Amino acid sequence: MLSLKFRVFPQFNQSNQSTKNTMAKNQTVKIRPVLLQADRDSFAALKNIADYAPSNASLTVAKIQALQDDMVAKDEAEVQALAAHDSARDDATDSEWTYHNAILAAKDQVKAQYGADSNELQAVGLTKKSEIKKPSARTPKAAAKA
């Protein structure tokens, strides 16, 4: 049987009505999309509370809206940067293959122009025909011992 365990986060637990600080401990990793969506849903509900007046001035609806707008702008910038990175990587890969194929073609030209047993062929990294070892005859293996 497959058993599933669900981890209940204190900030989403309906029975946990404490007011303790639930800030994230590791703020260097991206937040999971499901948590961001929950934050967006909470903010949408917060905007509908007409008499919301926080004692902390940095938690007004206008300030949180500015934070959300900043987050969306930076997420879009990240997506655009990733697309630019992918495009640059594709361009670099294409250039590498073009260069590699040109070198292979140049080696073929050296072989055609100077011959398969020339020093020029060896200079471009290929093996002379006279230096290639001939395959040796294989000796039959002894019959398997019984």
Protein backbone atom coordinates (compact mmCIF):
# COMPACT_ATOMS: atom_id res chain seq x y z
CA MET A 1 0.00 0.00 0.00
CA LEU A 2 1.19 3.47 -0.80
CA SER A 3 1.06 5.81 2.15
CA LEU A 4 1.32 9.53 1.71
CA LYS A 5 2.53 11.87 4.38
CA PHE A 6 1.61 15.51 4.20
CA ARG A 7 3.56 18.14 5.99
CA VAL A 8 1.40 20.84 7.52
CA PHE A 9 2.97 24.27 7.45
CA PRO A 10 2.13 26.40 10.49
CA GLN A 11 1.13 29.43 8.44
CA PHE A 12 -1.48 27.32 6.57
CA ASN A 13 -2.73 25.33 9.51
CA GLN A 14 -6.21 26.63 10.32
CA SER A 15 -6.00 25.52 13.95
CA ASN A 16 -2.77 27.45 14.53
CA GLN A 17 -3.98 30.94 15.40
CA SER A 18 -0.75 32.06 17.06
CA THR A 19 0.83 35.33 16.00
CA LYS A 20 4.43 34.12 16.03
CA ASN A 21 6.71 35.17 13.19
CA THR A 22 6.67 32.60 10.35
CA MET A 23 9.40 34.14 8.18
CA ALA A 24 11.41 31.73 6.07
CA LYS A 25 14.78 30.67 7.43
CA ASN A 26 16.58 30.17 4.11
CA GLN A 27 15.81 33.16 1.94
CA THR A 28 18.34 32.24 -0.76
CA VAL A 29 16.17 29.62 -2.48
CA LYS A 30 13.17 30.32 -4.68
CA ILE A 31 9.75 29.88 -3.13
CA ARG A 32 7.65 27.05 -4.48
CA PRO A 33 4.94 28.21 -6.92
CA VAL A 34 2.18 26.76 -4.75
CA LEU A 35 3.28 28.95 -1.83
CA LEU A 36 3.48 32.05 -4.02
CA GLN A 37 -0.03 31.35 -5.28
CA ALA A 38 -1.23 31.03 -1.69
CA ASP A 39 0.41 34.40 -0.96
CA ARG A 40 -1.34 35.94 -3.97
CA ASP A 41 -4.66 34.53 -2.80
CA SER A 42 -4.09 35.92 0.70
CA PHE A 43 -3.20 39.33 -0.69
CA ALA A 44 -6.30 39.34 -2.91
CA ALA A 45 -8.41 38.66 0.19
CA LEU A 46 -6.50 41.29 2.16
CA LYS A 47 -7.32 43.93 -0.46
CA ASN A 48 -11.02 43.24 0.11
CA ILE A 49 -10.82 44.01 3.84
CA ALA A 50 -12.09 47.58 3.93
CA ASP A 51 -10.94 48.56 7.42
CA TYR A 52 -7.46 46.94 7.29
CA ALA A 53 -5.08 49.32 9.08
CA PRO A 54 -1.86 47.60 10.17
CA SER A 55 0.20 48.99 13.03
CA ASN A 56 3.32 48.30 10.94
CA ALA A 57 3.41 50.92 8.17
CA SER A 58 5.36 48.61 5.85
CA LEU A 59 2.41 46.20 5.72
CA THR A 60 -0.19 48.49 4.15
CA VAL A 61 -1.98 47.29 1.05
CA ALA A 62 -0.18 49.89 -1.08
CA LYS A 63 3.26 48.79 0.17
CA ILE A 64 2.49 45.10 -0.34
CA GLN A 65 1.13 45.91 -3.81
CA ALA A 66 4.44 47.63 -4.61
CA LEU A 67 6.31 44.53 -3.39
CA GLN A 68 4.15 42.30 -5.57
CA ASP A 69 4.70 44.53 -8.62
CA ASP A 70 8.46 44.46 -7.98
CA MET A 71 8.39 40.65 -7.67
CA VAL A 72 6.47 40.24 -10.93
CA ALA A 73 8.85 42.60 -12.77
CA LYS A 74 11.90 40.72 -11.50
CA ASP A 75 10.35 37.34 -12.37
CA GLU A 76 9.73 38.60 -15.91
CA ALA A 77 13.32 39.89 -16.11
CA GLU A 78 14.55 36.46 -14.97
CA VAL A 79 12.53 34.70 -17.66
CA GLN A 80 13.85 37.09 -20.31
CA ALA A 81 17.43 36.60 -19.11
CA LEU A 82 17.02 32.83 -19.22
CA ALA A 83 15.68 33.08 -22.77
CA ALA A 84 18.64 35.27 -23.74
CA HIS A 85 21.00 32.77 -22.12
CA ASP A 86 19.42 29.88 -24.01
CA SER A 87 19.70 31.82 -27.26
CA ALA A 88 23.35 32.69 -26.61
CA ARG A 89 24.11 29.06 -25.76
CA ASP A 90 22.46 27.91 -29.00
CA ASP A 91 24.48 30.49 -30.98
CA ALA A 92 27.71 29.36 -29.29
CA THR A 93 26.93 25.70 -29.98
CA ASP A 94 26.20 26.47 -33.62
CA SER A 95 29.50 28.36 -33.93
CA GLU A 96 31.40 25.49 -32.29
CA TRP A 97 29.94 22.96 -34.72
CA THR A 98 30.60 25.21 -37.72
CA TYR A 99 34.23 25.59 -36.62
CA HIS A 100 34.62 21.85 -35.93
CA ASN A 101 33.17 20.88 -39.31
CA ALA A 102 35.49 23.38 -41.04
CA ILE A 103 38.52 21.80 -39.33
CA LEU A 104 37.39 18.31 -40.39
CA ALA A 105 36.95 19.51 -43.97
CA ALA A 106 40.39 21.18 -43.88
CA LYS A 107 41.94 17.88 -42.74
CA ASP A 108 40.26 16.16 -45.69
CA GLN A 109 41.68 18.84 -48.00
CA VAL A 110 45.20 18.30 -46.59
CA LYS A 111 44.84 14.57 -47.22
CA ALA A 112 43.60 15.17 -50.77
CA GLN A 113 46.29 17.76 -51.57
CA TYR A 114 49.37 16.18 -49.96
CA GLY A 115 48.47 12.49 -49.80
CA ALA A 116 47.70 9.95 -47.10
CA ASP A 117 51.40 9.48 -46.21
CA SER A 118 52.58 13.08 -45.95
CA ASN A 119 54.16 15.06 -43.16
CA GLU A 120 51.48 17.76 -43.64
CA LEU A 121 48.82 15.18 -42.82
CA GLN A 122 50.65 14.37 -39.60
CA ALA A 123 51.01 18.09 -38.80
CA VAL A 124 47.21 18.56 -38.70
CA GLY A 125 46.83 15.68 -36.26
CA LEU A 126 46.10 12.73 -38.55
CA THR A 127 48.11 9.51 -38.77
CA LYS A 128 50.21 8.72 -41.82
CA LYS A 129 49.09 5.70 -43.79
CA SER A 130 52.52 4.07 -43.36
CA GLU A 131 52.32 4.40 -39.57
CA ILE A 132 48.97 2.67 -39.20
CA LYS A 133 49.51 -0.82 -37.79
CA LYS A 134 48.20 -3.65 -39.88
CA PRO A 135 45.67 -5.86 -38.14
CA SER A 136 47.26 -9.08 -36.90
CA ALA A 137 45.74 -12.44 -37.63
CA ARG A 138 43.75 -13.77 -34.75
CA THR A 139 44.68 -17.12 -33.35
CA PRO A 140 41.78 -19.45 -32.69
CA LYS A 141 41.05 -19.91 -29.03
CA ALA A 142 41.73 -23.32 -27.50
CA ALA A 143 38.68 -25.50 -27.05
CA ALA A 144 37.02 -24.98 -23.75
CA LYS A 145 38.16 -27.41 -21.12
CA ALA A 146 35.52 -29.83 -20.02
